[in-house]
Amino acid sequence: MSALRDPSVREWLVSAAILLASYLAARALSFLFGKGLGAAARRTATGLDDRLVTAVRRPVTYALFLIGAYVAVHRSPLPDHWKALIDQGLFVLSVLLITLALIRAYVILMTWYTNESPRAAAGGLGVEFGPLLSKLGSVIIALIAGITILEYMGVKVESLIVSLGVGSLAVGLAAKDTLANMFAGFNLMLDRPFKIGDRIQLASGEVGDVMAIGMRATRLKTPDETILVIPNSVLTTEKVVNQSQPTPHLTTRVDVGVAYGTDLARARAVLVAAALASDRVDPDRAPVALVTRFGDFAVNLRVVFWPRTFGDQSLATSEVHEEIYRRFADAGIEIPFPVRRIVQEVAP
């Protein structure tokens, strides 16, 4: 009992009681998060709030315990220099916990936005670049936390930033092509000349469907099932044809020749019917049959039609060719071909 009369012992006991009370309060808060808020979140239609509660549950409860630890330390009869060291440690832990909670919440929000939100079903800028924005936002939050800790520790952040700027200049000169592709990727993100799923044609002639738009390069899936990786700087400096815009219907032409003397009006009607016979041709846009020119041995005709999508173009063209051949044969329309006649002169 005599020890309890010592003021320092009483201060230690009060500090221990505060530390224990903060621990119990943190456990109770964790229980409320799990049972109360967690149960309320599970009753909502979306799973976003469930994941947010799970993500911030531990950091928030640990932060409450750190607050109690801070009060307990300052109530204790520790020397001032020990209190200063412990304060620094508690501050660093608090900043790390807050940073962890913010990063978790931000990543969950971006994942929900790109995968489950109404915007995800409709597509758009955020959907296509959600992973990139998620990583960039996490890095920014971590940098702010690092600067905050360094400022608290007395480190001159301004001089550090100047040093990093000089170093980044050297790195930028060494990796200028990579940086050019990265800036080109941001340009594609803002300008949006195409989106994921569009079919584009490059200046070199390659055609492919856009699979992914990354920070450095864009991946295309070609019609022969190969992956084509294109640096973003190429896509921003060279001509790119977006075959999916303004509509996915590509104007397709099939040329054929008929013999002289053929009823051209009837031949054009057969061409239109042959194009409409394919299920891959858009029935809402009527095919057009034209007489293009008079050839050496045939009258050249052309039928213009529109496949349902750019992916149907090759098969639609093949089916229309087959249908033209069959219908011309049934109608008795001749498809001529060049004939060379060799006349041999016999010397007298």
Protein backbone atom coordinates (compact mmCIF):
# COMPACT_ATOMS: atom_id res chain seq x y z
CA MET A 1 0.00 0.00 0.00
CA SER A 2 2.91 2.30 0.69
CA ALA A 3 3.98 1.92 -2.97
CA LEU A 4 0.61 3.26 -4.08
CA ARG A 5 1.32 6.48 -2.23
CA ASP A 6 4.28 7.09 -4.56
CA PRO A 7 3.11 9.60 -7.25
CA SER A 8 5.21 7.98 -9.96
CA VAL A 9 3.66 4.56 -9.27
CA ARG A 10 0.18 6.06 -9.47
CA GLU A 11 1.06 7.70 -12.77
CA TRP A 12 2.30 4.37 -14.12
CA LEU A 13 -0.92 2.68 -12.99
CA VAL A 14 -3.06 5.39 -14.60
CA SER A 15 -1.08 5.08 -17.84
CA ALA A 16 -1.51 1.30 -17.79
CA ALA A 17 -5.23 1.71 -17.16
CA ILE A 18 -5.53 4.14 -20.10
CA LEU A 19 -3.61 1.72 -22.33
CA LEU A 20 -5.86 -1.16 -21.29
CA ALA A 21 -8.99 0.95 -21.74
CA SER A 22 -7.88 1.98 -25.24
CA TYR A 23 -7.23 -1.65 -26.12
CA LEU A 24 -10.69 -2.67 -24.91
CA ALA A 25 -12.25 0.28 -26.77
CA ALA A 26 -10.46 -0.76 -29.96
CA ARG A 27 -11.74 -4.33 -29.55
CA ALA A 28 -15.27 -3.03 -28.99
CA LEU A 29 -15.04 -0.80 -32.04
CA SER A 30 -13.81 -3.73 -34.10
CA PHE A 31 -16.79 -5.75 -32.88
CA LEU A 32 -19.17 -2.94 -33.83
CA PHE A 33 -17.60 -2.73 -37.28
CA GLY A 34 -18.00 -6.45 -37.77
CA LYS A 35 -21.47 -6.89 -36.33
CA GLY A 36 -23.16 -3.53 -36.62
CA LEU A 37 -21.86 -1.78 -39.72
CA GLY A 38 -21.02 -5.07 -41.40
CA ALA A 39 -24.56 -6.37 -40.95
CA ALA A 40 -26.02 -3.07 -42.18
CA ALA A 41 -23.74 -3.12 -45.22
CA ARG A 42 -24.73 -6.69 -46.07
CA ARG A 43 -28.37 -5.64 -46.27
CA THR A 44 -27.69 -3.18 -49.08
CA ALA A 45 -27.99 -4.11 -52.74
CA THR A 46 -24.35 -3.44 -53.60
CA GLY A 47 -21.28 -5.12 -52.15
CA LEU A 48 -19.23 -1.92 -52.20
CA ASP A 49 -19.97 -0.93 -48.61
CA ASP A 50 -19.21 -4.47 -47.38
CA ARG A 51 -15.72 -4.31 -48.85
CA LEU A 52 -15.15 -0.78 -47.56
CA VAL A 53 -16.08 -1.79 -44.00
CA THR A 54 -13.74 -4.79 -44.19
CA ALA A 55 -10.90 -2.67 -45.60
CA VAL A 56 -10.95 0.11 -42.98
CA ARG A 57 -11.93 -2.02 -39.98
CA ARG A 58 -8.45 -2.94 -38.77
CA PRO A 59 -6.70 0.40 -39.51
CA VAL A 60 -9.42 2.36 -37.67
CA THR A 61 -9.36 0.13 -34.60
CA TYR A 62 -5.55 0.20 -34.48
CA ALA A 63 -5.64 4.01 -34.77
CA LEU A 64 -7.94 4.19 -31.73
CA PHE A 65 -5.47 2.09 -29.75
CA LEU A 66 -2.63 4.40 -30.80
CA ILE A 67 -4.56 7.41 -29.50
CA GLY A 68 -4.86 5.71 -26.13
CA ALA A 69 -1.16 4.82 -26.25
CA TYR A 70 -0.29 8.47 -26.92
CA VAL A 71 -2.30 9.63 -23.91
CA ALA A 72 -0.83 6.87 -21.73
CA VAL A 73 2.74 7.76 -22.67
CA HIS A 74 2.26 11.42 -21.87
CA ARG A 75 0.66 10.54 -18.53
CA SER A 76 3.59 8.32 -17.60
CA PRO A 77 6.70 9.61 -15.75
CA LEU A 78 9.00 8.76 -18.67
CA PRO A 79 11.87 11.12 -19.50
CA ASP A 80 11.09 13.73 -22.13
CA HIS A 81 13.51 12.33 -24.71
CA TRP A 82 11.82 8.91 -24.46
CA LYS A 83 8.44 10.52 -24.86
CA ALA A 84 9.69 12.34 -27.97
CA LEU A 85 10.96 9.08 -29.50
CA ILE A 86 7.72 7.25 -28.71
CA ASP A 87 5.71 10.18 -30.12
CA GLN A 88 7.62 9.89 -33.38
CA GLY A 89 6.98 6.16 -33.54
CA LEU A 90 3.27 6.61 -32.79
CA PHE A 91 2.99 9.36 -35.40
CA VAL A 92 4.64 7.21 -38.07
CA LEU A 93 2.38 4.27 -37.22
CA SER A 94 -0.69 6.51 -37.32
CA VAL A 95 0.22 7.91 -40.73
CA LEU A 96 0.90 4.42 -42.07
CA LEU A 97 -2.46 3.18 -40.78
CA ILE A 98 -4.32 6.11 -42.31
CA THR A 99 -2.44 5.64 -45.58
CA LEU A 100 -3.26 1.94 -45.63
CA ALA A 101 -6.95 2.65 -45.04
CA LEU A 102 -7.06 5.33 -47.75
CA ILE A 103 -5.27 3.16 -50.32
CA ARG A 104 -7.53 0.19 -49.59
CA ALA A 105 -10.66 2.33 -49.85
CA TYR A 106 -9.45 4.01 -53.06
CA VAL A 107 -8.59 0.72 -54.76
CA ILE A 108 -11.94 -0.77 -53.76
CA LEU A 109 -13.80 2.26 -55.11
CA MET A 110 -11.91 2.17 -58.42
CA THR A 111 -12.45 -1.59 -58.77
CA TRP A 112 -16.17 -1.16 -58.14
CA TYR A 113 -16.34 1.72 -60.61
CA THR A 114 -14.61 -0.21 -63.39
CA ASN A 115 -16.32 -3.58 -62.84
CA GLU A 116 -19.69 -3.16 -61.15
CA SER A 117 -20.97 0.40 -61.50
CA PRO A 118 -23.51 1.43 -64.17
CA ARG A 119 -20.64 3.15 -66.00
CA ALA A 120 -18.87 -0.22 -66.24
CA ALA A 121 -21.72 -1.68 -68.28
CA ALA A 122 -21.82 1.33 -70.57
CA GLY A 123 -18.05 1.59 -70.96
CA GLY A 124 -16.13 4.83 -70.92
CA LEU A 125 -12.91 6.53 -70.00
CA GLY A 126 -12.83 5.50 -66.35
CA VAL A 127 -13.62 1.89 -67.21
CA GLU A 128 -10.80 1.59 -69.72
CA PHE A 129 -8.20 3.33 -67.59
CA GLY A 130 -9.43 2.25 -64.16
CA PRO A 131 -6.40 0.04 -63.38
CA LEU A 132 -4.00 2.83 -64.38
CA LEU A 133 -5.84 5.43 -62.29
CA SER A 134 -5.99 3.00 -59.37
CA LYS A 135 -2.22 2.53 -59.36
CA LEU A 136 -1.55 6.23 -59.89
CA GLY A 137 -3.86 7.25 -57.04
CA SER A 138 -2.25 4.73 -54.67
CA VAL A 139 1.20 6.07 -55.51
CA ILE A 140 0.07 9.66 -54.88
CA ILE A 141 -1.42 8.75 -51.49
CA ALA A 142 1.80 6.94 -50.53
CA LEU A 143 3.93 9.93 -51.62
CA ILE A 144 1.85 12.34 -49.54
CA ALA A 145 2.23 10.04 -46.53
CA GLY A 146 6.00 9.83 -47.05
CA ILE A 147 6.35 13.62 -47.32
CA THR A 148 4.26 14.05 -44.16
CA ILE A 149 6.49 11.65 -42.21
CA LEU A 150 9.69 13.28 -43.47
CA GLU A 151 8.41 16.76 -42.58
CA TYR A 152 7.57 15.56 -39.07
CA MET A 153 11.04 14.06 -38.71
CA GLY A 154 12.63 17.39 -39.63
CA VAL A 155 13.89 16.36 -43.06
CA LYS A 156 14.03 19.22 -45.55
CA VAL A 157 11.68 17.95 -48.24
CA GLU A 158 12.44 20.89 -50.54
CA SER A 159 16.10 19.95 -50.94
CA LEU A 160 15.13 16.32 -51.38
CA ILE A 161 12.70 17.26 -54.15
CA VAL A 162 15.43 19.28 -55.89
CA SER A 163 17.77 16.29 -55.74
CA LEU A 164 15.08 14.01 -57.06
CA GLY A 165 14.39 16.50 -59.85
CA VAL A 166 18.01 16.42 -61.01
CA GLY A 167 18.03 12.64 -60.84
CA SER A 168 14.72 12.38 -62.68
CA LEU A 169 16.12 14.58 -65.46
CA ALA A 170 18.96 12.13 -66.01
CA VAL A 171 16.55 9.21 -65.92
CA GLY A 172 14.22 11.01 -68.33
CA LEU A 173 17.00 11.53 -70.85
CA ALA A 174 17.96 7.87 -70.62
CA ALA A 175 14.36 6.66 -70.96
CA LYS A 176 12.94 9.27 -73.32
CA ASP A 177 11.28 6.65 -75.56
CA THR A 178 9.51 5.07 -72.60
CA LEU A 179 8.38 8.47 -71.34
CA ALA A 180 7.18 9.41 -74.85
CA ASN A 181 5.04 6.27 -74.91
CA MET A 182 3.68 7.05 -71.43
CA PHE A 183 2.69 10.59 -72.38
CA ALA A 184 1.19 9.23 -75.58
CA GLY A 185 -0.85 6.83 -73.45
CA PHE A 186 -2.28 9.77 -71.48
CA ASN A 187 -2.99 11.51 -74.78
CA LEU A 188 -4.95 8.47 -75.95
CA MET A 189 -6.80 8.49 -72.64
CA LEU A 190 -7.90 12.10 -73.10
CA ASP A 191 -8.42 12.21 -76.86
CA ARG A 192 -10.06 8.75 -77.11
CA PRO A 193 -9.59 8.06 -80.85
CA PHE A 194 -10.61 4.47 -80.08
CA LYS A 195 -11.70 2.35 -77.15
CA ILE A 196 -11.31 -1.26 -76.08
CA GLY A 197 -13.15 -3.53 -78.49
CA ASP A 198 -12.81 -1.23 -81.52
CA ARG A 199 -11.21 -2.51 -84.69
CA ILE A 200 -8.50 -0.20 -85.99
CA GLN A 201 -6.24 -0.19 -89.01
CA LEU A 202 -2.67 1.08 -88.67
CA ALA A 203 -0.77 3.15 -91.21
CA SER A 204 1.30 0.04 -92.00
CA GLY A 205 -1.87 -1.87 -92.96
CA GLU A 206 -2.30 -4.17 -89.95
CA VAL A 207 -5.84 -4.55 -88.67
CA GLY A 208 -6.81 -5.67 -85.17
CA ASP A 209 -9.25 -5.34 -82.30
CA VAL A 210 -8.10 -3.23 -79.34
CA MET A 211 -7.60 -5.54 -76.33
CA ALA A 212 -5.89 -3.25 -73.84
CA ILE A 213 -4.49 0.28 -73.68
CA GLY A 214 -1.52 0.35 -71.33
CA MET A 215 0.84 3.04 -70.12
CA ARG A 216 3.50 2.12 -72.68
CA ALA A 217 1.79 0.17 -75.45
CA THR A 218 -1.57 -0.89 -76.86
CA ARG A 219 -2.33 -4.54 -77.62
CA LEU A 220 -4.31 -5.54 -80.71
CA LYS A 221 -5.78 -8.93 -81.56
CA THR A 222 -5.45 -9.49 -85.29
CA PRO A 223 -7.95 -11.52 -87.36
CA ASP A 224 -5.47 -14.43 -87.48
CA GLU A 225 -5.55 -14.67 -83.64
CA THR A 226 -2.15 -13.12 -82.96
CA ILE A 227 -1.32 -10.32 -80.52
CA LEU A 228 0.17 -7.15 -81.94
CA VAL A 229 1.87 -4.78 -79.46
CA ILE A 230 2.01 -1.18 -80.70
CA PRO A 231 3.90 1.60 -78.83
CA ASN A 232 1.52 4.38 -77.89
CA SER A 233 3.71 6.99 -79.55
CA VAL A 234 3.10 5.31 -82.91
CA LEU A 235 -0.66 5.55 -82.45
CA THR A 236 -0.50 9.27 -81.71
CA THR A 237 1.89 10.28 -84.51
CA GLU A 238 0.70 8.08 -87.41
CA LYS A 239 -2.62 7.69 -89.16
CA VAL A 240 -5.03 5.26 -87.50
CA VAL A 241 -8.36 4.26 -89.07
CA ASN A 242 -11.09 3.34 -86.58
CA GLN A 243 -13.29 0.88 -88.46
CA SER A 244 -15.80 0.71 -85.59
CA GLN A 245 -16.75 4.38 -85.70
CA PRO A 246 -19.17 5.92 -86.35
CA THR A 247 -20.81 2.49 -86.86
CA PRO A 248 -19.42 -1.07 -86.86
CA HIS A 249 -20.80 -1.60 -90.39
CA LEU A 250 -17.99 -1.59 -92.95
CA THR A 251 -18.80 -0.72 -96.54
CA THR A 252 -17.99 -3.85 -98.54
CA ARG A 253 -17.80 -4.21 -102.31
CA VAL A 254 -17.94 -7.27 -104.56
CA ASP A 255 -17.08 -6.88 -108.25
CA VAL A 256 -18.23 -9.26 -110.97
CA GLY A 257 -18.36 -9.22 -114.75
CA VAL A 258 -21.23 -10.34 -117.04
CA ALA A 259 -21.21 -11.07 -120.73
CA TYR A 260 -22.16 -8.43 -123.25
CA GLY A 261 -25.82 -8.78 -124.17
CA THR A 262 -26.90 -9.55 -120.58
CA ASP A 263 -29.99 -7.78 -119.19
CA LEU A 264 -28.15 -5.44 -116.83
CA ALA A 265 -31.24 -4.50 -114.78
CA ARG A 266 -31.89 -8.18 -114.12
CA ALA A 267 -28.23 -8.79 -113.25
CA ARG A 268 -28.27 -5.91 -110.76
CA ALA A 269 -31.43 -7.28 -109.14
CA VAL A 270 -29.74 -10.66 -108.77
CA LEU A 271 -26.73 -9.03 -107.12
CA VAL A 272 -28.94 -7.24 -104.57
CA ALA A 273 -30.84 -10.45 -103.79
CA ALA A 274 -27.57 -12.37 -103.41
CA ALA A 275 -26.28 -9.84 -100.90
CA LEU A 276 -29.49 -9.91 -98.85
CA ALA A 277 -29.42 -13.72 -98.77
CA SER A 278 -26.48 -13.68 -96.31
CA ASP A 279 -27.40 -13.57 -92.63
CA ARG A 280 -24.19 -11.61 -91.98
CA VAL A 281 -25.35 -8.65 -94.08
CA ASP A 282 -27.24 -5.85 -92.33
CA PRO A 283 -30.84 -6.06 -93.64
CA ASP A 284 -31.62 -2.49 -92.54
CA ARG A 285 -29.29 -1.03 -95.17
CA ALA A 286 -30.29 -2.00 -98.69
CA PRO A 287 -27.42 -3.19 -100.91
CA VAL A 288 -26.68 -1.14 -104.00
CA ALA A 289 -25.78 -2.66 -107.39
CA LEU A 290 -23.93 -0.51 -109.92
CA VAL A 291 -22.54 -0.81 -113.43
CA THR A 292 -18.94 0.36 -113.09
CA ARG A 293 -17.41 0.12 -116.56
CA PHE A 294 -17.26 -1.67 -119.89
CA GLY A 295 -14.35 -4.05 -119.96
CA ASP A 296 -12.56 -5.76 -122.83
CA PHE A 297 -14.64 -8.90 -122.58
CA ALA A 298 -17.32 -8.17 -119.92
CA VAL A 299 -19.55 -5.51 -118.42
CA ASN A 300 -18.27 -4.91 -114.90
CA LEU A 301 -20.81 -4.64 -112.07
CA ARG A 302 -20.39 -3.96 -108.36
CA VAL A 303 -22.64 -4.69 -105.41
CA VAL A 304 -22.13 -2.60 -102.25
CA PHE A 305 -23.42 -3.95 -98.92
CA TRP A 306 -22.79 -3.58 -95.19
CA PRO A 307 -21.99 -6.53 -92.88
CA ARG A 308 -23.61 -6.51 -89.44
CA THR A 309 -20.21 -5.96 -87.76
CA PHE A 310 -16.62 -5.58 -88.88
CA GLY A 311 -15.98 -9.14 -87.70
CA ASP A 312 -18.48 -10.48 -90.25
CA GLN A 313 -16.88 -8.82 -93.25
CA SER A 314 -14.75 -11.72 -94.49
CA LEU A 315 -17.44 -14.39 -94.09
CA ALA A 316 -20.14 -12.09 -95.51
CA THR A 317 -17.99 -11.41 -98.58
CA SER A 318 -17.43 -15.13 -99.09
CA GLU A 319 -21.14 -15.95 -98.73
CA VAL A 320 -22.13 -13.18 -101.17
CA HIS A 321 -19.62 -14.48 -103.73
CA GLU A 322 -21.05 -17.99 -103.45
CA GLU A 323 -24.62 -16.74 -103.71
CA ILE A 324 -23.83 -14.63 -106.80
CA TYR A 325 -22.25 -17.61 -108.53
CA ARG A 326 -25.25 -19.84 -107.76
CA ARG A 327 -27.92 -17.27 -108.67
CA PHE A 328 -26.17 -16.29 -111.91
CA ALA A 329 -26.07 -19.93 -112.91
CA ASP A 330 -29.78 -20.37 -112.10
CA ALA A 331 -30.68 -17.22 -114.05
CA GLY A 332 -28.52 -18.14 -117.02
CA ILE A 333 -26.30 -15.09 -116.63
CA GLU A 334 -22.84 -15.77 -117.99
CA ILE A 335 -19.71 -14.73 -116.15
CA PRO A 336 -17.22 -14.43 -119.03
CA PHE A 337 -13.52 -14.99 -118.84
CA PRO A 338 -10.78 -13.87 -121.23
CA VAL A 339 -10.12 -16.10 -124.19
CA ARG A 340 -6.97 -15.85 -126.25
CA ARG A 341 -7.18 -17.06 -129.80
CA ILE A 342 -3.88 -17.91 -131.46
CA VAL A 343 -3.86 -17.75 -135.24
CA GLN A 344 -0.96 -19.38 -136.92
CA GLU A 345 -0.10 -18.05 -140.31
CA VAL A 346 1.20 -20.60 -142.77
CA ALA A 347 3.83 -19.34 -145.13
CA PRO A 348 2.99 -19.77 -148.79
